[in-house]
Amino acid sequence: ADLETILEVGSFSWSWMEPIIGQASFIFLVLQFVRSQAINLGLKPYGHKILGVRSKRMCKKYPQYDPIFLEWFSESDALYGKLK
């Protein structure tokens, strides 16, 4: 049997998982780089896009109010829970 000691088991499991962990780490690294470059170019990340969609929805829902103030309010409000 190839897996007689704990060292052999560790070596086998590491050689099996290392490529998967390496690929996942590389994907996260690339995603972080893409996000930072998008911010450098002035593009809005996903959270800001959601705030924009929410402000447009609020302007449609309450047309009797000034759209500028509705946009300011909806973009300043927290996405999740309360600001502390």
Protein backbone atom coordinates (compact mmCIF):
# COMPACT_ATOMS: atom_id res chain seq x y z
CA ALA A 1 0.00 0.00 0.00
CA ASP A 2 1.26 3.45 -0.90
CA LEU A 3 -0.34 5.25 2.04
CA GLU A 4 1.24 3.55 5.04
CA THR A 5 2.42 6.57 7.06
CA ILE A 6 0.97 9.96 7.85
CA LEU A 7 3.72 11.58 5.78
CA GLU A 8 2.71 9.63 2.69
CA VAL A 9 -0.95 10.58 3.22
CA GLY A 10 0.04 14.24 3.62
CA SER A 11 2.18 14.15 0.50
CA PHE A 12 -0.61 12.51 -1.50
CA SER A 13 -3.28 14.97 -0.34
CA TRP A 14 -1.01 17.97 -0.95
CA SER A 15 -0.14 16.84 -4.47
CA TRP A 16 -3.84 16.33 -5.18
CA MET A 17 -5.05 19.68 -3.75
CA GLU A 18 -2.17 21.99 -4.69
CA PRO A 19 -3.26 22.57 -8.34
CA ILE A 20 -6.83 23.35 -7.29
CA ILE A 21 -5.74 25.74 -4.54
CA GLY A 22 -3.27 27.38 -6.90
CA GLN A 23 -5.89 27.97 -9.57
CA ALA A 24 -8.38 29.38 -7.06
CA SER A 25 -5.73 31.71 -5.64
CA PHE A 26 -4.81 32.90 -9.11
CA ILE A 27 -8.45 33.59 -9.95
CA PHE A 28 -8.85 35.70 -6.79
CA LEU A 29 -5.65 37.57 -7.59
CA VAL A 30 -6.86 38.35 -11.12
CA LEU A 31 -10.26 39.50 -9.84
CA GLN A 32 -8.61 41.86 -7.35
CA PHE A 33 -6.39 43.25 -10.09
CA VAL A 34 -9.32 43.77 -12.45
CA ARG A 35 -11.31 45.56 -9.75
CA SER A 36 -8.41 47.88 -8.88
CA GLN A 37 -7.83 48.71 -12.54
CA ALA A 38 -11.54 49.42 -13.03
CA ILE A 39 -11.42 51.84 -10.10
CA ASN A 40 -8.29 53.48 -11.57
CA LEU A 41 -10.18 53.98 -14.85
CA GLY A 42 -13.11 55.55 -13.02
CA LEU A 43 -15.49 52.66 -13.58
CA LYS A 44 -17.91 51.92 -10.80
CA PRO A 45 -17.66 48.55 -9.05
CA TYR A 46 -20.73 46.42 -8.49
CA GLY A 47 -21.82 48.13 -5.25
CA HIS A 48 -21.92 51.56 -6.87
CA LYS A 49 -23.84 50.11 -9.80
CA ILE A 50 -26.45 48.77 -7.38
CA LEU A 51 -26.70 52.19 -5.71
CA GLY A 52 -27.34 53.77 -9.11
CA VAL A 53 -30.05 51.25 -9.95
CA ARG A 54 -31.65 51.83 -6.56
CA SER A 55 -31.66 55.62 -7.01
CA LYS A 56 -33.28 55.32 -10.47
CA ARG A 57 -35.91 52.98 -9.05
CA MET A 58 -36.63 55.45 -6.25
CA CYS A 59 -37.01 58.31 -8.76
CA LYS A 60 -39.56 56.28 -10.72
CA LYS A 61 -41.45 55.36 -7.57
CA TYR A 62 -41.65 58.94 -6.24
CA PRO A 63 -41.89 61.28 -9.26
CA GLN A 64 -43.42 64.08 -7.17
CA TYR A 65 -40.05 64.71 -5.45
CA ASP A 66 -36.95 66.31 -6.91
CA PRO A 67 -34.89 63.55 -8.62
CA ILE A 68 -31.55 65.03 -7.55
CA PHE A 69 -32.44 64.86 -3.86
CA LEU A 70 -33.82 61.34 -4.24
CA GLU A 71 -30.59 60.22 -5.91
CA TRP A 72 -28.48 61.82 -3.18
CA PHE A 73 -30.59 60.22 -0.47
CA SER A 74 -30.64 56.74 -1.98
CA GLU A 75 -26.90 56.77 -2.72
CA SER A 76 -26.01 57.96 0.78
CA ASP A 77 -28.14 55.34 2.55
CA ALA A 78 -26.44 52.08 3.55
CA LEU A 79 -26.90 49.01 1.36
CA TYR A 80 -27.06 46.61 4.30
CA GLY A 81 -28.39 47.46 7.73
CA LYS A 82 -27.67 50.69 9.52
CA LEU A 83 -24.51 52.76 9.41
CA LYS A 84 -22.83 52.98 12.80
